[in-house]
C-alpha atoms as a PDB file:
ATOM      1  CA  MET A   1       9.812  -2.262 153.964  1.00  0.00           C
ATOM      2  CA  ALA A   2      13.026  -1.501 152.649  1.00  0.00           C
ATOM      3  CA  THR A   3      15.135   1.152 154.251  1.00  0.00           C
ATOM      4  CA  THR A   4      17.018   3.724 152.005  1.00  0.00           C
ATOM      5  CA  LEU A   5      20.139   5.138 152.982  1.00  0.00           C
ATOM      6  CA  GLN A   6      18.325   8.478 153.484  1.00  0.00           C
ATOM      7  CA  ASP A   7      16.004   7.018 155.821  1.00  0.00           C
ATOM      8  CA  SER A   8      18.672   5.662 157.686  1.00  0.00           C
ATOM      9  CA  LEU A   9      20.566   8.706 158.018  1.00  0.00           C
ATOM     10  CA  ALA A  10      17.589  10.528 158.968  1.00  0.00           C
ATOM     11  CA  VAL A  11      18.346  10.214 162.692  1.00  0.00           C
ATOM     12  CA  PRO A  12      21.266  12.410 163.799  1.00  0.00           C
ATOM     13  CA  GLN A  13      22.393   9.937 166.247  1.00  0.00           C
ATOM     14  CA  ASP A  14      22.583   7.186 163.390  1.00  0.00           C
ATOM     15  CA  PHE A  15      24.316   9.370 161.292  1.00  0.00           C
ATOM     16  CA  ASP A  16      27.013  10.272 164.153  1.00  0.00           C
ATOM     17  CA  GLU A  17      27.729   6.995 164.851  1.00  0.00           C
ATOM     18  CA  GLN A  18      28.021   5.967 161.360  1.00  0.00           C
ATOM     19  CA  HIS A  19      30.126   9.055 160.510  1.00  0.00           C
ATOM     20  CA  GLU A  20      32.354   8.088 163.768  1.00  0.00           C
ATOM     21  CA  SER A  21      32.864   4.815 162.557  1.00  0.00           C
ATOM     22  CA  ALA A  22      33.793   5.467 159.048  1.00  0.00           C
ATOM     23  CA  VAL A  23      36.370   8.095 160.151  1.00  0.00           C
ATOM     24  CA  ARG A  24      37.834   5.598 162.604  1.00  0.00           C
ATOM     25  CA  ALA A  25      38.151   2.963 159.666  1.00  0.00           C
ATOM     26  CA  GLU A  26      39.821   5.597 157.597  1.00  0.00           C
ATOM     27  CA  ILE A  27      42.252   6.649 160.367  1.00  0.00           C
ATOM     28  CA  GLU A  28      43.104   2.446 160.958  1.00  0.00           C
ATOM     29  CA  ARG A  29      43.782   2.233 157.364  1.00  0.00           C
ATOM     30  CA  PHE A  30      46.131   4.840 157.298  1.00  0.00           C
ATOM     31  CA  ARG A  31      47.817   3.667 160.306  1.00  0.00           C
ATOM     32  CA  ALA A  32      48.175   0.105 158.765  1.00  0.00           C
ATOM     33  CA  LYS A  33      49.633   1.611 155.569  1.00  0.00           C
ATOM     34  CA  ALA A  34      51.991   4.057 157.474  1.00  0.00           C
ATOM     35  CA  ALA A  35      53.389   1.021 159.602  1.00  0.00           C
ATOM     36  CA  GLU A  36      54.080  -0.979 156.277  1.00  0.00           C
ATOM     37  CA  LEU A  37      55.838   1.852 155.064  1.00  0.00           C
ATOM     38  CA  LEU A  38      58.116   2.367 158.259  1.00  0.00           C
ATOM     39  CA  ALA A  39      58.776  -1.319 158.238  1.00  0.00           C
ATOM     40  CA  GLY A  40      59.884  -1.464 154.905  1.00  0.00           C
ATOM     41  CA  ALA A  41      57.202  -3.790 153.177  1.00  0.00           C
ATOM     42  CA  ILE A  42      56.047  -1.302 150.857  1.00  0.00           C
ATOM     43  CA  THR A  43      57.787   1.473 148.907  1.00  0.00           C
ATOM     44  CA  GLU A  44      57.265   5.340 149.066  1.00  0.00           C
ATOM     45  CA  ASP A  45      55.679   5.345 145.665  1.00  0.00           C
ATOM     46  CA  ASP A  46      53.174   2.704 146.964  1.00  0.00           C
ATOM     47  CA  PHE A  47      52.477   5.033 149.909  1.00  0.00           C
ATOM     48  CA  ARG A  48      52.065   7.871 147.989  1.00  0.00           C
ATOM     49  CA  ALA A  49      49.526   6.369 145.740  1.00  0.00           C
ATOM     50  CA  PHE A  50      47.688   5.185 148.670  1.00  0.00           C
ATOM     51  CA  ARG A  51      47.636   8.316 150.298  1.00  0.00           C
ATOM     52  CA  LEU A  52      46.788  10.532 147.304  1.00  0.00           C
ATOM     53  CA  ARG A  53      43.811   8.212 146.654  1.00  0.00           C
ATOM     54  CA  ALA A  54      42.468   8.785 150.075  1.00  0.00           C
ATOM     55  CA  GLY A  55      42.956  12.443 149.810  1.00  0.00           C
ATOM     56  CA  ILE A  56      45.807  13.164 151.989  1.00  0.00           C
ATOM     57  CA  TYR A  57      48.255  15.612 150.725  1.00  0.00           C
ATOM     58  CA  GLY A  58      51.283  17.327 152.333  1.00  0.00           C
ATOM     59  CA  GLN A  59      51.269  21.162 152.840  1.00  0.00           C
ATOM     60  CA  ARG A  60      54.270  22.890 151.854  1.00  0.00           C
ATOM     61  CA  GLN A  61      55.275  25.676 154.151  1.00  0.00           C
ATOM     62  CA  PRO A  62      58.280  28.060 154.555  1.00  0.00           C
ATOM     63  CA  ALA A  63      60.649  27.123 156.972  1.00  0.00           C
ATOM     64  CA  CYS A  64      60.508  28.768 160.215  1.00  0.00           C
ATOM     65  CA  LYS A  65      63.234  31.189 160.867  1.00  0.00           C
END
């Protein structure tokens, strides 16, 4: 019997483990790209394109006085 995505996520523990794994993988991808930027292996434009596709946006806030 084939397992559907809905069936595989029906058990909360399975979902939590899959979520944790996916989040960790995204963090490591970001960390690797940031390291490439800091090492000069990629340009700021390349990094910006990566982070925007990943939904990572900067926040503009007024300077603290």
